[in-house]
C-alpha atoms as a PDB file:
ATOM      1  CA  UNK A   1       0.111   0.172   0.061  1.00  0.00           C
ATOM      2  CA  UNK A   2       1.197   3.465  -0.965  1.00  0.00           C
ATOM      3  CA  UNK A   3       2.272   5.732   1.941  1.00  0.00           C
ATOM      4  CA  UNK A   4       0.512   9.042   2.104  1.00  0.00           C
ATOM      5  CA  UNK A   5       2.235  11.683   4.205  1.00  0.00           C
ATOM      6  CA  UNK A   6       0.554  14.997   5.146  1.00  0.00           C
ATOM      7  CA  UNK A   7       2.666  18.062   6.140  1.00  0.00           C
ATOM      8  CA  UNK A   8       1.968  21.591   6.780  1.00  0.00           C
ATOM      9  CA  UNK A   9       4.724  23.509   8.251  1.00  0.00           C
ATOM     10  CA  UNK A  10       4.520  25.946  11.048  1.00  0.00           C
ATOM     11  CA  UNK A  11       5.851  29.292  10.396  1.00  0.00           C
ATOM     12  CA  UNK A  12       9.244  28.515  12.198  1.00  0.00           C
ATOM     13  CA  UNK A  13       9.413  25.295  10.034  1.00  0.00           C
ATOM     14  CA  UNK A  14       9.680  27.354   6.683  1.00  0.00           C
ATOM     15  CA  UNK A  15      13.184  27.069   5.045  1.00  0.00           C
ATOM     16  CA  UNK A  16      14.933  29.911   3.080  1.00  0.00           C
ATOM     17  CA  UNK A  17      17.723  27.671   1.744  1.00  0.00           C
ATOM     18  CA  UNK A  18      18.448  24.723  -0.261  1.00  0.00           C
ATOM     19  CA  UNK A  19      21.107  22.680   1.734  1.00  0.00           C
ATOM     20  CA  UNK A  20      22.288  23.653   5.247  1.00  0.00           C
ATOM     21  CA  UNK A  21      19.271  22.429   7.243  1.00  0.00           C
ATOM     22  CA  UNK A  22      18.004  19.210   8.570  1.00  0.00           C
ATOM     23  CA  UNK A  23      15.294  17.307   6.985  1.00  0.00           C
ATOM     24  CA  UNK A  24      11.714  17.873   8.462  1.00  0.00           C
ATOM     25  CA  UNK A  25      10.355  14.572   7.357  1.00  0.00           C
ATOM     26  CA  UNK A  26      11.940  11.203   6.096  1.00  0.00           C
ATOM     27  CA  UNK A  27       9.963   9.233   3.618  1.00  0.00           C
ATOM     28  CA  UNK A  28      10.289   6.084   1.401  1.00  0.00           C
ATOM     29  CA  UNK A  29      10.338   6.097  -2.358  1.00  0.00           C
ATOM     30  CA  UNK A  30       6.917   5.994  -3.735  1.00  0.00           C
ATOM     31  CA  UNK A  31       5.333   8.088  -0.905  1.00  0.00           C
ATOM     32  CA  UNK A  32       2.500  10.553  -1.844  1.00  0.00           C
ATOM     33  CA  UNK A  33       3.152  13.886   0.137  1.00  0.00           C
ATOM     34  CA  UNK A  34       0.313  16.290   0.719  1.00  0.00           C
ATOM     35  CA  UNK A  35       2.033  19.576   1.239  1.00  0.00           C
ATOM     36  CA  UNK A  36       1.035  23.046   2.147  1.00  0.00           C
ATOM     37  CA  UNK A  37       3.455  25.974   0.704  1.00  0.00           C
ATOM     38  CA  UNK A  38       3.375  29.633   1.648  1.00  0.00           C
ATOM     39  CA  UNK A  39       3.579  32.351  -0.898  1.00  0.00           C
ATOM     40  CA  UNK A  40       6.850  33.938  -1.737  1.00  0.00           C
ATOM     41  CA  UNK A  41       5.990  36.768   0.961  1.00  0.00           C
ATOM     42  CA  UNK A  42       5.337  34.152   3.537  1.00  0.00           C
ATOM     43  CA  UNK A  43       1.597  35.318   3.744  1.00  0.00           C
ATOM     44  CA  UNK A  44       2.397  38.976   4.959  1.00  0.00           C
ATOM     45  CA  UNK A  45       1.274  40.821   1.853  1.00  0.00           C
ATOM     46  CA  UNK A  46      -2.344  40.584   1.878  1.00  0.00           C
ATOM     47  CA  UNK A  47      -3.668  43.597   0.318  1.00  0.00           C
ATOM     48  CA  UNK A  48      -2.400  46.546  -1.936  1.00  0.00           C
ATOM     49  CA  UNK A  49      -1.418  48.494   1.045  1.00  0.00           C
ATOM     50  CA  UNK A  50       1.029  45.833   2.393  1.00  0.00           C
ATOM     51  CA  UNK A  51       4.450  46.953   0.693  1.00  0.00           C
ATOM     52  CA  UNK A  52       6.667  43.860   0.707  1.00  0.00           C
ATOM     53  CA  UNK A  53       9.671  46.153   1.765  1.00  0.00           C
ATOM     54  CA  UNK A  54       7.769  46.966   4.882  1.00  0.00           C
ATOM     55  CA  UNK A  55       5.893  43.810   5.601  1.00  0.00           C
ATOM     56  CA  UNK A  56       8.787  41.459   4.723  1.00  0.00           C
ATOM     57  CA  UNK A  57      12.317  41.070   5.975  1.00  0.00           C
ATOM     58  CA  UNK A  58      15.131  40.208   3.877  1.00  0.00           C
ATOM     59  CA  UNK A  59      16.490  37.501   3.334  1.00  0.00           C
ATOM     60  CA  UNK A  60      13.113  35.911   4.604  1.00  0.00           C
ATOM     61  CA  UNK A  61      11.646  35.806   1.352  1.00  0.00           C
ATOM     62  CA  UNK A  62      10.504  32.906  -0.938  1.00  0.00           C
ATOM     63  CA  UNK A  63      10.002  30.355   1.851  1.00  0.00           C
ATOM     64  CA  UNK A  64       9.916  26.590   0.983  1.00  0.00           C
ATOM     65  CA  UNK A  65       8.406  23.458   2.536  1.00  0.00           C
ATOM     66  CA  UNK A  66      10.959  20.850   3.480  1.00  0.00           C
ATOM     67  CA  UNK A  67      13.506  19.554   3.315  1.00  0.00           C
ATOM     68  CA  UNK A  68      11.991  15.950   2.787  1.00  0.00           C
ATOM     69  CA  UNK A  69      14.707  13.112   3.107  1.00  0.00           C
ATOM     70  CA  UNK A  70      13.916  10.379   0.640  1.00  0.00           C
ATOM     71  CA  UNK A  71      15.393   6.982   2.020  1.00  0.00           C
ATOM     72  CA  UNK A  72      17.898   5.438  -0.438  1.00  0.00           C
ATOM     73  CA  UNK A  73      18.695   8.407  -2.502  1.00  0.00           C
ATOM     74  CA  UNK A  74      22.438   8.843  -2.841  1.00  0.00           C
ATOM     75  CA  UNK A  75      24.795  11.155  -4.701  1.00  0.00           C
ATOM     76  CA  UNK A  76      24.598   9.901  -8.489  1.00  0.00           C
ATOM     77  CA  UNK A  77      20.933   8.870  -8.243  1.00  0.00           C
ATOM     78  CA  UNK A  78      18.057  10.976  -9.632  1.00  0.00           C
ATOM     79  CA  UNK A  79      15.058  11.883  -7.643  1.00  0.00           C
ATOM     80  CA  UNK A  80      11.933  11.899  -9.504  1.00  0.00           C
ATOM     81  CA  UNK A  81       9.139  14.454  -8.408  1.00  0.00           C
ATOM     82  CA  UNK A  82       5.688  13.955  -9.979  1.00  0.00           C
ATOM     83  CA  UNK A  83       3.360  16.973  -9.583  1.00  0.00           C
ATOM     84  CA  UNK A  84      -0.156  15.382  -8.902  1.00  0.00           C
ATOM     85  CA  UNK A  85      -2.247  18.496  -7.931  1.00  0.00           C
ATOM     86  CA  UNK A  86      -1.332  22.073  -7.262  1.00  0.00           C
ATOM     87  CA  UNK A  87      -4.361  23.956  -5.802  1.00  0.00           C
ATOM     88  CA  UNK A  88      -4.594  27.676  -4.534  1.00  0.00           C
ATOM     89  CA  UNK A  89      -5.081  27.570  -0.693  1.00  0.00           C
ATOM     90  CA  UNK A  90      -6.681  31.034  -0.622  1.00  0.00           C
ATOM     91  CA  UNK A  91      -9.447  32.980  -2.476  1.00  0.00           C
ATOM     92  CA  UNK A  92      -6.682  35.727  -3.126  1.00  0.00           C
ATOM     93  CA  UNK A  93      -3.165  36.229  -4.522  1.00  0.00           C
ATOM     94  CA  UNK A  94      -0.768  39.138  -4.850  1.00  0.00           C
ATOM     95  CA  UNK A  95       1.800  40.387  -7.301  1.00  0.00           C
ATOM     96  CA  UNK A  96       4.150  43.435  -7.143  1.00  0.00           C
ATOM     97  CA  UNK A  97       6.765  45.500  -8.791  1.00  0.00           C
ATOM     98  CA  UNK A  98       9.791  46.469  -6.838  1.00  0.00           C
ATOM     99  CA  UNK A  99      12.168  49.495  -7.271  1.00  0.00           C
ATOM    100  CA  UNK A 100      15.158  47.304  -8.132  1.00  0.00           C
ATOM    101  CA  UNK A 101      13.974  44.034  -9.141  1.00  0.00           C
ATOM    102  CA  UNK A 102      12.474  42.676 -12.457  1.00  0.00           C
ATOM    103  CA  UNK A 103      13.383  42.698 -16.034  1.00  0.00           C
ATOM    104  CA  UNK A 104      12.555  46.223 -16.786  1.00  0.00           C
ATOM    105  CA  UNK A 105      14.040  48.378 -14.071  1.00  0.00           C
ATOM    106  CA  UNK A 106      17.658  49.264 -13.092  1.00  0.00           C
ATOM    107  CA  UNK A 107      19.193  46.787 -10.795  1.00  0.00           C
ATOM    108  CA  UNK A 108      22.447  46.584  -8.652  1.00  0.00           C
ATOM    109  CA  UNK A 109      24.192  44.694 -11.871  1.00  0.00           C
ATOM    110  CA  UNK A 110      22.418  46.854 -14.324  1.00  0.00           C
ATOM    111  CA  UNK A 111      23.126  50.306 -12.980  1.00  0.00           C
ATOM    112  CA  UNK A 112      21.106  53.298 -14.459  1.00  0.00           C
ATOM    113  CA  UNK A 113      20.507  56.828 -13.478  1.00  0.00           C
ATOM    114  CA  UNK A 114      16.787  56.402 -14.229  1.00  0.00           C
ATOM    115  CA  UNK A 115      14.422  56.686 -11.221  1.00  0.00           C
ATOM    116  CA  UNK A 116      13.612  53.199  -9.904  1.00  0.00           C
ATOM    117  CA  UNK A 117      10.271  51.880 -10.385  1.00  0.00           C
ATOM    118  CA  UNK A 118       7.494  52.210  -7.706  1.00  0.00           C
ATOM    119  CA  UNK A 119       6.669  49.557  -5.395  1.00  0.00           C
ATOM    120  CA  UNK A 120       2.990  48.681  -6.148  1.00  0.00           C
ATOM    121  CA  UNK A 121       1.035  45.817  -5.068  1.00  0.00           C
ATOM    122  CA  UNK A 122      -1.745  44.101  -6.948  1.00  0.00           C
ATOM    123  CA  UNK A 123      -4.299  41.693  -5.416  1.00  0.00           C
ATOM    124  CA  UNK A 124      -6.066  38.978  -7.525  1.00  0.00           C
ATOM    125  CA  UNK A 125      -9.357  37.497  -6.953  1.00  0.00           C
ATOM    126  CA  UNK A 126      -8.885  33.583  -7.029  1.00  0.00           C
ATOM    127  CA  UNK A 127     -11.841  31.347  -8.073  1.00  0.00           C
ATOM    128  CA  UNK A 128     -10.903  28.021  -8.241  1.00  0.00           C
ATOM    129  CA  UNK A 129     -14.210  26.442  -9.285  1.00  0.00           C
ATOM    130  CA  UNK A 130     -14.362  28.732 -12.087  1.00  0.00           C
ATOM    131  CA  UNK A 131     -10.614  28.159 -13.119  1.00  0.00           C
ATOM    132  CA  UNK A 132      -9.882  32.082 -13.184  1.00  0.00           C
ATOM    133  CA  UNK A 133      -7.828  34.744 -11.468  1.00  0.00           C
ATOM    134  CA  UNK A 134      -9.115  38.273 -11.866  1.00  0.00           C
ATOM    135  CA  UNK A 135      -6.580  41.188 -12.511  1.00  0.00           C
ATOM    136  CA  UNK A 136      -7.568  44.663 -11.441  1.00  0.00           C
ATOM    137  CA  UNK A 137      -5.540  47.669 -12.787  1.00  0.00           C
ATOM    138  CA  UNK A 138      -4.191  49.820  -9.916  1.00  0.00           C
ATOM    139  CA  UNK A 139      -4.197  53.053 -11.735  1.00  0.00           C
ATOM    140  CA  UNK A 140      -7.258  52.576 -14.116  1.00  0.00           C
ATOM    141  CA  UNK A 141     -10.652  51.195 -14.025  1.00  0.00           C
ATOM    142  CA  UNK A 142      -9.866  47.934 -15.973  1.00  0.00           C
ATOM    143  CA  UNK A 143     -10.103  44.135 -14.842  1.00  0.00           C
ATOM    144  CA  UNK A 144      -9.976  40.840 -16.584  1.00  0.00           C
ATOM    145  CA  UNK A 145     -10.183  37.111 -16.213  1.00  0.00           C
ATOM    146  CA  UNK A 146      -7.274  35.197 -16.667  1.00  0.00           C
ATOM    147  CA  UNK A 147      -7.015  31.396 -16.713  1.00  0.00           C
ATOM    148  CA  UNK A 148      -5.822  29.737 -13.546  1.00  0.00           C
ATOM    149  CA  UNK A 149      -2.913  27.765 -14.235  1.00  0.00           C
ATOM    150  CA  UNK A 150      -1.311  26.880 -10.876  1.00  0.00           C
ATOM    151  CA  UNK A 151       2.470  26.030 -10.944  1.00  0.00           C
ATOM    152  CA  UNK A 152       5.575  26.030  -8.430  1.00  0.00           C
ATOM    153  CA  UNK A 153       8.221  28.636  -9.133  1.00  0.00           C
ATOM    154  CA  UNK A 154      10.728  26.902  -6.680  1.00  0.00           C
ATOM    155  CA  UNK A 155      11.497  23.303  -6.466  1.00  0.00           C
ATOM    156  CA  UNK A 156      14.838  21.422  -5.907  1.00  0.00           C
ATOM    157  CA  UNK A 157      17.321  19.568  -3.826  1.00  0.00           C
ATOM    158  CA  UNK A 158      20.214  20.246  -1.672  1.00  0.00           C
ATOM    159  CA  UNK A 159      23.417  21.360  -3.762  1.00  0.00           C
ATOM    160  CA  UNK A 160      26.542  19.526  -3.797  1.00  0.00           C
ATOM    161  CA  UNK A 161      29.722  19.997  -1.751  1.00  0.00           C
ATOM    162  CA  UNK A 162      27.772  21.363   1.443  1.00  0.00           C
ATOM    163  CA  UNK A 163      26.583  24.406  -0.204  1.00  0.00           C
ATOM    164  CA  UNK A 164      23.552  26.210   1.050  1.00  0.00           C
ATOM    165  CA  UNK A 165      21.830  28.414  -1.580  1.00  0.00           C
ATOM    166  CA  UNK A 166      19.106  31.030  -1.040  1.00  0.00           C
ATOM    167  CA  UNK A 167      15.719  29.823  -2.305  1.00  0.00           C
ATOM    168  CA  UNK A 168      15.727  32.782  -4.717  1.00  0.00           C
ATOM    169  CA  UNK A 169      18.611  31.431  -6.889  1.00  0.00           C
ATOM    170  CA  UNK A 170      18.104  28.868  -9.480  1.00  0.00           C
ATOM    171  CA  UNK A 171      20.986  26.591 -10.512  1.00  0.00           C
ATOM    172  CA  UNK A 172      21.560  22.823 -11.230  1.00  0.00           C
ATOM    173  CA  UNK A 173      20.204  21.776  -8.082  1.00  0.00           C
ATOM    174  CA  UNK A 174      16.641  23.368  -9.229  1.00  0.00           C
ATOM    175  CA  UNK A 175      15.655  26.402  -6.961  1.00  0.00           C
ATOM    176  CA  UNK A 176      13.962  29.401  -8.096  1.00  0.00           C
ATOM    177  CA  UNK A 177      13.434  28.529 -11.727  1.00  0.00           C
ATOM    178  CA  UNK A 178      10.070  30.194 -12.306  1.00  0.00           C
ATOM    179  CA  UNK A 179       9.099  28.249 -15.330  1.00  0.00           C
ATOM    180  CA  UNK A 180       5.148  27.964 -15.893  1.00  0.00           C
ATOM    181  CA  UNK A 181       6.051  24.306 -17.005  1.00  0.00           C
ATOM    182  CA  UNK A 182       6.220  23.110 -13.568  1.00  0.00           C
ATOM    183  CA  UNK A 183       2.541  22.563 -13.150  1.00  0.00           C
ATOM    184  CA  UNK A 184       0.444  19.315 -12.245  1.00  0.00           C
ATOM    185  CA  UNK A 185       0.826  16.373 -14.590  1.00  0.00           C
ATOM    186  CA  UNK A 186       4.576  17.088 -14.730  1.00  0.00           C
ATOM    187  CA  UNK A 187       7.478  14.886 -13.667  1.00  0.00           C
ATOM    188  CA  UNK A 188      10.435  16.863 -12.721  1.00  0.00           C
ATOM    189  CA  UNK A 189      14.024  15.242 -12.321  1.00  0.00           C
ATOM    190  CA  UNK A 190      16.791  16.279 -10.026  1.00  0.00           C
ATOM    191  CA  UNK A 191      20.314  15.021  -9.743  1.00  0.00           C
ATOM    192  CA  UNK A 192      20.821  13.842  -6.083  1.00  0.00           C
ATOM    193  CA  UNK A 193      23.902  15.509  -4.513  1.00  0.00           C
ATOM    194  CA  UNK A 194      23.404  14.341  -0.846  1.00  0.00           C
ATOM    195  CA  UNK A 195      22.038  11.502   0.993  1.00  0.00           C
ATOM    196  CA  UNK A 196      18.426  11.703   1.119  1.00  0.00           C
ATOM    197  CA  UNK A 197      18.138  14.235  -1.675  1.00  0.00           C
ATOM    198  CA  UNK A 198      16.621  16.683   0.628  1.00  0.00           C
ATOM    199  CA  UNK A 199      13.811  18.022  -1.447  1.00  0.00           C
ATOM    200  CA  UNK A 200      11.992  21.124  -1.028  1.00  0.00           C
ATOM    201  CA  UNK A 201       9.186  23.054  -2.575  1.00  0.00           C
ATOM    202  CA  UNK A 202       7.455  26.496  -2.635  1.00  0.00           C
ATOM    203  CA  UNK A 203       6.647  29.664  -4.529  1.00  0.00           C
ATOM    204  CA  UNK A 204       3.250  28.762  -5.793  1.00  0.00           C
ATOM    205  CA  UNK A 205       1.762  30.855  -8.517  1.00  0.00           C
ATOM    206  CA  UNK A 206      -1.826  30.885  -9.677  1.00  0.00           C
ATOM    207  CA  UNK A 207      -0.241  31.666 -13.267  1.00  0.00           C
ATOM    208  CA  UNK A 208       2.752  33.501 -14.638  1.00  0.00           C
ATOM    209  CA  UNK A 209       3.632  34.864 -18.090  1.00  0.00           C
ATOM    210  CA  UNK A 210       6.987  33.668 -19.838  1.00  0.00           C
ATOM    211  CA  UNK A 211       9.950  35.376 -17.963  1.00  0.00           C
ATOM    212  CA  UNK A 212       8.154  36.432 -14.929  1.00  0.00           C
ATOM    213  CA  UNK A 213       9.049  40.057 -16.375  1.00  0.00           C
ATOM    214  CA  UNK A 214       7.999  42.109 -13.298  1.00  0.00           C
ATOM    215  CA  UNK A 215       9.688  39.814 -10.773  1.00  0.00           C
ATOM    216  CA  UNK A 216       6.587  38.105  -9.423  1.00  0.00           C
ATOM    217  CA  UNK A 217       3.813  35.847 -10.676  1.00  0.00           C
ATOM    218  CA  UNK A 218       0.460  35.718  -9.298  1.00  0.00           C
ATOM    219  CA  UNK A 219       1.933  34.762  -5.854  1.00  0.00           C
ATOM    220  CA  UNK A 220      -0.228  32.383  -3.900  1.00  0.00           C
ATOM    221  CA  UNK A 221      -0.073  29.515  -0.950  1.00  0.00           C
ATOM    222  CA  UNK A 222      -0.736  26.261  -2.266  1.00  0.00           C
ATOM    223  CA  UNK A 223      -2.097  22.731  -1.222  1.00  0.00           C
ATOM    224  CA  UNK A 224       0.221  20.427  -3.467  1.00  0.00           C
ATOM    225  CA  UNK A 225       0.334  16.725  -3.972  1.00  0.00           C
ATOM    226  CA  UNK A 226       3.636  15.013  -5.124  1.00  0.00           C
ATOM    227  CA  UNK A 227       5.074  11.580  -5.525  1.00  0.00           C
ATOM    228  CA  UNK A 228       8.696  11.074  -4.792  1.00  0.00           C
ATOM    229  CA  UNK A 229      10.537   8.344  -6.169  1.00  0.00           C
ATOM    230  CA  UNK A 230      14.474   7.463  -6.597  1.00  0.00           C
ATOM    231  CA  UNK A 231      15.930   6.446  -9.850  1.00  0.00           C
ATOM    232  CA  UNK A 232      19.056   4.627  -8.805  1.00  0.00           C
ATOM    233  CA  UNK A 233      22.282   5.073 -10.725  1.00  0.00           C
ATOM    234  CA  UNK A 234      21.073   7.585 -13.109  1.00  0.00           C
ATOM    235  CA  UNK A 235      22.631  10.924 -13.191  1.00  0.00           C
ATOM    236  CA  UNK A 236      20.799  14.203 -14.132  1.00  0.00           C
ATOM    237  CA  UNK A 237      23.061  17.068 -14.514  1.00  0.00           C
ATOM    238  CA  UNK A 238      20.407  19.792 -14.609  1.00  0.00           C
ATOM    239  CA  UNK A 239      16.706  19.802 -13.714  1.00  0.00           C
ATOM    240  CA  UNK A 240      14.637  18.004 -16.436  1.00  0.00           C
ATOM    241  CA  UNK A 241      10.905  17.931 -16.778  1.00  0.00           C
ATOM    242  CA  UNK A 242       8.704  15.287 -18.590  1.00  0.00           C
ATOM    243  CA  UNK A 243       5.045  15.506 -19.510  1.00  0.00           C
ATOM    244  CA  UNK A 244       2.876  13.009 -21.467  1.00  0.00           C
ATOM    245  CA  UNK A 245       4.040  14.934 -24.550  1.00  0.00           C
ATOM    246  CA  UNK A 246       7.241  16.499 -24.239  1.00  0.00           C
ATOM    247  CA  UNK A 247      10.772  16.286 -22.636  1.00  0.00           C
ATOM    248  CA  UNK A 248      12.452  19.484 -21.361  1.00  0.00           C
ATOM    249  CA  UNK A 249      15.911  20.596 -19.942  1.00  0.00           C
ATOM    250  CA  UNK A 250      16.580  23.559 -17.743  1.00  0.00           C
ATOM    251  CA  UNK A 251      19.540  25.826 -17.470  1.00  0.00           C
ATOM    252  CA  UNK A 252      20.147  28.668 -15.079  1.00  0.00           C
ATOM    253  CA  UNK A 253      22.829  31.141 -15.632  1.00  0.00           C
ATOM    254  CA  UNK A 254      23.695  34.676 -16.413  1.00  0.00           C
ATOM    255  CA  UNK A 255      23.947  36.107 -18.960  1.00  0.00           C
ATOM    256  CA  UNK A 256      20.561  34.673 -20.528  1.00  0.00           C
ATOM    257  CA  UNK A 257      22.397  33.279 -23.542  1.00  0.00           C
ATOM    258  CA  UNK A 258      24.343  30.983 -21.249  1.00  0.00           C
ATOM    259  CA  UNK A 259      21.086  29.758 -19.716  1.00  0.00           C
ATOM    260  CA  UNK A 260      19.829  29.109 -23.299  1.00  0.00           C
ATOM    261  CA  UNK A 261      23.031  27.210 -24.164  1.00  0.00           C
ATOM    262  CA  UNK A 262      22.857  25.080 -20.901  1.00  0.00           C
ATOM    263  CA  UNK A 263      19.428  24.034 -21.649  1.00  0.00           C
ATOM    264  CA  UNK A 264      19.953  23.143 -25.198  1.00  0.00           C
ATOM    265  CA  UNK A 265      23.343  21.464 -24.592  1.00  0.00           C
ATOM    266  CA  UNK A 266      21.534  19.146 -22.090  1.00  0.00           C
ATOM    267  CA  UNK A 267      18.433  18.351 -24.306  1.00  0.00           C
ATOM    268  CA  UNK A 268      20.767  17.724 -27.321  1.00  0.00           C
ATOM    269  CA  UNK A 269      23.063  15.220 -25.431  1.00  0.00           C
ATOM    270  CA  UNK A 270      19.893  13.570 -23.542  1.00  0.00           C
ATOM    271  CA  UNK A 271      18.260  13.072 -27.169  1.00  0.00           C
ATOM    272  CA  UNK A 272      21.335  11.465 -28.554  1.00  0.00           C
ATOM    273  CA  UNK A 273      21.471   9.103 -25.405  1.00  0.00           C
ATOM    274  CA  UNK A 274      17.799   8.249 -25.547  1.00  0.00           C
ATOM    275  CA  UNK A 275      17.597   7.300 -29.217  1.00  0.00           C
ATOM    276  CA  UNK A 276      21.195   6.432 -30.004  1.00  0.00           C
ATOM    277  CA  UNK A 277      22.151   9.219 -32.417  1.00  0.00           C
ATOM    278  CA  UNK A 278      25.410  11.068 -33.059  1.00  0.00           C
ATOM    279  CA  UNK A 279      25.666  14.301 -31.063  1.00  0.00           C
ATOM    280  CA  UNK A 280      25.518  16.262 -34.312  1.00  0.00           C
ATOM    281  CA  UNK A 281      22.576  14.435 -35.491  1.00  0.00           C
ATOM    282  CA  UNK A 282      20.748  15.033 -32.314  1.00  0.00           C
ATOM    283  CA  UNK A 283      21.941  18.819 -32.653  1.00  0.00           C
ATOM    284  CA  UNK A 284      20.361  18.944 -35.934  1.00  0.00           C
ATOM    285  CA  UNK A 285      17.121  17.349 -34.823  1.00  0.00           C
ATOM    286  CA  UNK A 286      16.583  19.606 -31.678  1.00  0.00           C
ATOM    287  CA  UNK A 287      17.552  22.655 -33.863  1.00  0.00           C
ATOM    288  CA  UNK A 288      14.585  21.952 -36.062  1.00  0.00           C
ATOM    289  CA  UNK A 289      12.089  20.455 -33.714  1.00  0.00           C
ATOM    290  CA  UNK A 290      12.930  21.913 -30.444  1.00  0.00           C
ATOM    291  CA  UNK A 291      11.146  24.983 -28.563  1.00  0.00           C
ATOM    292  CA  UNK A 292      12.654  27.522 -25.881  1.00  0.00           C
ATOM    293  CA  UNK A 293      10.251  28.398 -23.056  1.00  0.00           C
ATOM    294  CA  UNK A 294      11.454  31.076 -20.910  1.00  0.00           C
ATOM    295  CA  UNK A 295      11.601  30.659 -17.034  1.00  0.00           C
ATOM    296  CA  UNK A 296      12.586  33.875 -15.258  1.00  0.00           C
ATOM    297  CA  UNK A 297      14.600  36.907 -16.536  1.00  0.00           C
ATOM    298  CA  UNK A 298      14.855  38.707 -13.238  1.00  0.00           C
ATOM    299  CA  UNK A 299      16.459  36.215 -10.681  1.00  0.00           C
ATOM    300  CA  UNK A 300      20.214  36.171  -9.600  1.00  0.00           C
ATOM    301  CA  UNK A 301      20.426  33.475 -12.385  1.00  0.00           C
ATOM    302  CA  UNK A 302      18.222  33.416 -15.280  1.00  0.00           C
ATOM    303  CA  UNK A 303      16.499  30.157 -16.516  1.00  0.00           C
ATOM    304  CA  UNK A 304      15.607  28.897 -19.992  1.00  0.00           C
ATOM    305  CA  UNK A 305      14.117  25.654 -20.944  1.00  0.00           C
ATOM    306  CA  UNK A 306      14.615  23.575 -24.124  1.00  0.00           C
ATOM    307  CA  UNK A 307      11.770  21.295 -24.998  1.00  0.00           C
ATOM    308  CA  UNK A 308      11.056  18.780 -27.658  1.00  0.00           C
ATOM    309  CA  UNK A 309       7.852  16.714 -28.496  1.00  0.00           C
ATOM    310  CA  UNK A 310       8.087  12.964 -27.624  1.00  0.00           C
ATOM    311  CA  UNK A 311       6.657  12.104 -30.978  1.00  0.00           C
ATOM    312  CA  UNK A 312       9.957  13.058 -32.623  1.00  0.00           C
ATOM    313  CA  UNK A 313      11.849  10.741 -30.554  1.00  0.00           C
ATOM    314  CA  UNK A 314      10.517   7.248 -31.690  1.00  0.00           C
ATOM    315  CA  UNK A 315       9.911   4.689 -28.886  1.00  0.00           C
ATOM    316  CA  UNK A 316      12.549   6.405 -26.712  1.00  0.00           C
ATOM    317  CA  UNK A 317      11.702   6.150 -22.926  1.00  0.00           C
ATOM    318  CA  UNK A 318      13.075   8.482 -20.395  1.00  0.00           C
ATOM    319  CA  UNK A 319      14.344   6.921 -16.988  1.00  0.00           C
ATOM    320  CA  UNK A 320      12.847   3.679 -17.978  1.00  0.00           C
ATOM    321  CA  UNK A 321       9.177   5.038 -18.057  1.00  0.00           C
ATOM    322  CA  UNK A 322       9.280   6.402 -14.582  1.00  0.00           C
ATOM    323  CA  UNK A 323       6.803   9.360 -15.688  1.00  0.00           C
ATOM    324  CA  UNK A 324       4.171   6.818 -16.727  1.00  0.00           C
ATOM    325  CA  UNK A 325       4.446   4.713 -13.610  1.00  0.00           C
ATOM    326  CA  UNK A 326       3.944   7.881 -11.519  1.00  0.00           C
ATOM    327  CA  UNK A 327       1.245   9.269 -13.515  1.00  0.00           C
ATOM    328  CA  UNK A 328      -0.737   5.988 -12.825  1.00  0.00           C
ATOM    329  CA  UNK A 329      -0.122   6.237  -9.269  1.00  0.00           C
ATOM    330  CA  UNK A 330      -1.566   9.784  -9.346  1.00  0.00           C
ATOM    331  CA  UNK A 331      -4.500   8.873 -11.094  1.00  0.00           C
ATOM    332  CA  UNK A 332      -5.285   5.985  -8.554  1.00  0.00           C
ATOM    333  CA  UNK A 333      -4.602   8.483  -5.738  1.00  0.00           C
ATOM    334  CA  UNK A 334      -7.000  11.059  -7.294  1.00  0.00           C
ATOM    335  CA  UNK A 335      -9.682   8.402  -8.053  1.00  0.00           C
ATOM    336  CA  UNK A 336      -9.657   7.206  -4.372  1.00  0.00           C
ATOM    337  CA  UNK A 337      -9.146  10.166  -2.451  1.00  0.00           C
END
């Protein structure tokens, strides 16, 4: 019988790093986890008058739930994380602009003499039953309903070499990748760097445009269900995602073109291994059949994805079909809940 573990962290149990923290739970491979995750502001920004710079204290931003120790996971293995369900936990969500954060403002690394952007908060109405989030302009009389498309901006494992990384930083361990592709039905793969992997999750968004241009999505607390499993002896150099239709590789770096190169390099070499192609033949195939969704263009590292449809890869099966097996487990869980 499959183990089901429910975990809702207390405020003092939230983590702000990947690595450098003891596990809050230990689970067996195959365990279904029912998790509560807080929004990137820790629930402190609740309305348009709650400025993050006042309500929040740096570096206590972008909290994650975890870490979770998965028994048997060792360096050189891969942790498979199947996202079964992601549901907003409240009927509201928020977004914000910041004076020195985002893609269209001066920052400490892109220094300009232009005045910084205003710090403004938007509150969204969330209607899970109707499948919408409602945008309201702050400086005009305009509102519009947007499709609810829940995702997690931050997910990953502990880094290697005793490192502790702030949750806002994406890298090869995962972290704050902010890609809308990390939604329910997806299996994410993370290379294990420490015993137990130490998986953590947070930064739920009701939806987010490609790039997370202003620096925030529609930030929300989430009730999320995942299944964790271990793939023994399979190394994963950078986060990878699998859906029923596609394979994806993530790259996180600055400048953006290096993040692009990292993701494309991994997808090309992964494709070559999966279907037994020469690397240049795989390079040609991905050049013509691949796509490049944008993750974030505002964090300390930027994130790009490389994606290819599975129907171009013949009968190749990633990680010996673990995605399909976890999808079946997810459907069984949802049907019997």
